[in-house]
Amino acid sequence: MTKAELIDAVAGSKSVPEGLSKKAVQAVIDETFEEIKKSLKKEDRFSFPGFGTFAKKKRAARKGRNPQTGAPIQIKAQTTVGFKPAQSLKDFVGKR
């Protein structure tokens, strides 16, 4: 699903008030993701019950190889984001 498809789906949802423009729905979605990013930066995690938890993860420095030359390189330590789905999301996705 693309961002545009998400906006269309939310705007067309029965739970969204009639007359709410797609531009307004887009603004709400954009702000939601901005707040998630801020929460991850400030608190290291963001949890949404029934959906899952986003959390910062630290990756240690490691050795790798340049795929073009095969020469060994040092990959720096970095911080990334991981996602752990809630059991209810796993159950929903796993249903056939």
C-alpha atoms as a PDB file:
ATOM      1  CA  MET A   1       0.000   0.000   0.000  1.00  0.00           C
ATOM      2  CA  THR A   2       1.306   3.431  -0.882  1.00  0.00           C
ATOM      3  CA  LYS A   3       0.831   6.638   1.074  1.00  0.00           C
ATOM      4  CA  ALA A   4      -1.762   7.831  -1.451  1.00  0.00           C
ATOM      5  CA  GLU A   5      -3.681   4.552  -1.111  1.00  0.00           C
ATOM      6  CA  LEU A   6      -3.583   4.864   2.685  1.00  0.00           C
ATOM      7  CA  ILE A   7      -4.977   8.402   2.502  1.00  0.00           C
ATOM      8  CA  ASP A   8      -7.770   7.264   0.164  1.00  0.00           C
ATOM      9  CA  ALA A   9      -8.623   4.317   2.422  1.00  0.00           C
ATOM     10  CA  VAL A  10      -8.727   6.453   5.575  1.00  0.00           C
ATOM     11  CA  ALA A  11     -10.691   9.255   3.880  1.00  0.00           C
ATOM     12  CA  GLY A  12     -13.236   6.713   2.628  1.00  0.00           C
ATOM     13  CA  SER A  13     -13.575   4.981   5.997  1.00  0.00           C
ATOM     14  CA  LYS A  14     -16.937   5.041   7.749  1.00  0.00           C
ATOM     15  CA  SER A  15     -15.305   6.114  11.011  1.00  0.00           C
ATOM     16  CA  VAL A  16     -13.968   9.352   9.470  1.00  0.00           C
ATOM     17  CA  PRO A  17     -16.451  12.262   9.511  1.00  0.00           C
ATOM     18  CA  GLU A  18     -18.039  13.033   6.140  1.00  0.00           C
ATOM     19  CA  GLY A  19     -16.693  16.140   4.501  1.00  0.00           C
ATOM     20  CA  LEU A  20     -13.172  15.707   5.833  1.00  0.00           C
ATOM     21  CA  SER A  21     -10.914  16.412   2.875  1.00  0.00           C
ATOM     22  CA  LYS A  22      -8.109  14.160   1.702  1.00  0.00           C
ATOM     23  CA  LYS A  23      -5.741  17.037   2.422  1.00  0.00           C
ATOM     24  CA  ALA A  24      -6.875  17.072   6.066  1.00  0.00           C
ATOM     25  CA  VAL A  25      -6.517  13.283   6.305  1.00  0.00           C
ATOM     26  CA  GLN A  26      -3.014  13.546   4.823  1.00  0.00           C
ATOM     27  CA  ALA A  27      -2.082  16.198   7.401  1.00  0.00           C
ATOM     28  CA  VAL A  28      -3.274  13.946  10.244  1.00  0.00           C
ATOM     29  CA  ILE A  29      -1.360  10.933   8.897  1.00  0.00           C
ATOM     30  CA  ASP A  30       1.805  12.988   8.345  1.00  0.00           C
ATOM     31  CA  GLU A  31       1.636  14.429  11.864  1.00  0.00           C
ATOM     32  CA  THR A  32       1.034  10.972  13.339  1.00  0.00           C
ATOM     33  CA  PHE A  33       4.260   9.673  11.803  1.00  0.00           C
ATOM     34  CA  GLU A  34       6.150  12.806  12.893  1.00  0.00           C
ATOM     35  CA  GLU A  35       5.062  12.203  16.487  1.00  0.00           C
ATOM     36  CA  ILE A  36       6.149   8.559  16.251  1.00  0.00           C
ATOM     37  CA  LYS A  37       9.594   9.704  15.049  1.00  0.00           C
ATOM     38  CA  LYS A  38       9.858  12.246  17.882  1.00  0.00           C
ATOM     39  CA  SER A  39       8.877   9.605  20.429  1.00  0.00           C
ATOM     40  CA  LEU A  40      11.541   7.225  19.130  1.00  0.00           C
ATOM     41  CA  LYS A  41      14.206   9.909  19.315  1.00  0.00           C
ATOM     42  CA  LYS A  42      13.212  11.070  22.808  1.00  0.00           C
ATOM     43  CA  GLU A  43      12.024   7.894  24.538  1.00  0.00           C
ATOM     44  CA  ASP A  44      13.674   5.108  22.467  1.00  0.00           C
ATOM     45  CA  ARG A  45      10.356   3.369  21.783  1.00  0.00           C
ATOM     46  CA  PHE A  46       6.790   3.842  20.610  1.00  0.00           C
ATOM     47  CA  SER A  47       4.097   1.322  21.455  1.00  0.00           C
ATOM     48  CA  PHE A  48       0.631   1.120  19.905  1.00  0.00           C
ATOM     49  CA  PRO A  49      -1.495  -1.548  21.652  1.00  0.00           C
ATOM     50  CA  GLY A  50      -2.875  -4.129  19.248  1.00  0.00           C
ATOM     51  CA  PHE A  51      -0.403  -3.130  16.518  1.00  0.00           C
ATOM     52  CA  GLY A  52       3.119  -3.357  17.888  1.00  0.00           C
ATOM     53  CA  THR A  53       6.183  -1.584  19.217  1.00  0.00           C
ATOM     54  CA  PHE A  54       8.848   0.398  17.401  1.00  0.00           C
ATOM     55  CA  ALA A  55      12.136   0.558  19.314  1.00  0.00           C
ATOM     56  CA  LYS A  56      15.653   1.841  18.765  1.00  0.00           C
ATOM     57  CA  LYS A  57      18.290  -0.838  18.269  1.00  0.00           C
ATOM     58  CA  LYS A  58      22.042  -0.427  18.383  1.00  0.00           C
ATOM     59  CA  ARG A  59      24.189  -2.278  15.890  1.00  0.00           C
ATOM     60  CA  ALA A  60      27.812  -2.882  16.795  1.00  0.00           C
ATOM     61  CA  ALA A  61      30.645  -1.998  14.458  1.00  0.00           C
ATOM     62  CA  ARG A  62      31.617  -4.889  12.222  1.00  0.00           C
ATOM     63  CA  LYS A  63      33.789  -5.903   9.322  1.00  0.00           C
ATOM     64  CA  GLY A  64      32.315  -6.182   5.845  1.00  0.00           C
ATOM     65  CA  ARG A  65      33.398  -6.384   2.230  1.00  0.00           C
ATOM     66  CA  ASN A  66      33.107  -3.953  -0.634  1.00  0.00           C
ATOM     67  CA  PRO A  67      30.923  -5.891  -3.097  1.00  0.00           C
ATOM     68  CA  GLN A  68      32.673  -4.375  -6.133  1.00  0.00           C
ATOM     69  CA  THR A  69      36.272  -4.939  -5.123  1.00  0.00           C
ATOM     70  CA  GLY A  70      36.024  -7.550  -2.404  1.00  0.00           C
ATOM     71  CA  ALA A  71      38.260  -5.399  -0.193  1.00  0.00           C
ATOM     72  CA  PRO A  72      37.556  -5.565   3.558  1.00  0.00           C
ATOM     73  CA  ILE A  73      35.925  -2.471   5.077  1.00  0.00           C
ATOM     74  CA  GLN A  74      34.945  -1.397   8.574  1.00  0.00           C
ATOM     75  CA  ILE A  75      31.225  -0.710   9.038  1.00  0.00           C
ATOM     76  CA  LYS A  76      30.530   1.834  11.793  1.00  0.00           C
ATOM     77  CA  ALA A  77      28.257   1.210  14.750  1.00  0.00           C
ATOM     78  CA  GLN A  78      24.820   2.659  14.157  1.00  0.00           C
ATOM     79  CA  THR A  79      21.371   3.055  15.640  1.00  0.00           C
ATOM     80  CA  THR A  80      18.368   1.775  13.705  1.00  0.00           C
ATOM     81  CA  VAL A  81      14.689   1.060  14.343  1.00  0.00           C
ATOM     82  CA  GLY A  82      13.136  -2.333  14.885  1.00  0.00           C
ATOM     83  CA  PHE A  83       9.480  -3.330  14.954  1.00  0.00           C
ATOM     84  CA  LYS A  84       7.911  -6.060  17.050  1.00  0.00           C
ATOM     85  CA  PRO A  85       4.301  -6.785  16.068  1.00  0.00           C
ATOM     86  CA  ALA A  86       1.667  -7.338  18.743  1.00  0.00           C
ATOM     87  CA  GLN A  87       0.212 -10.836  19.024  1.00  0.00           C
ATOM     88  CA  SER A  88      -3.174  -9.603  17.768  1.00  0.00           C
ATOM     89  CA  LEU A  89      -1.524  -8.238  14.583  1.00  0.00           C
ATOM     90  CA  LYS A  90       0.327 -11.534  14.055  1.00  0.00           C
ATOM     91  CA  ASP A  91      -2.945 -13.433  14.479  1.00  0.00           C
ATOM     92  CA  PHE A  92      -4.810 -11.131  12.082  1.00  0.00           C
ATOM     93  CA  VAL A  93      -2.170 -11.319   9.355  1.00  0.00           C
ATOM     94  CA  GLY A  94      -1.785 -15.070   9.755  1.00  0.00           C
ATOM     95  CA  LYS A  95      -5.519 -15.788   9.216  1.00  0.00           C
ATOM     96  CA  ARG A  96      -6.589 -17.181   5.878  1.00  0.00           C
END
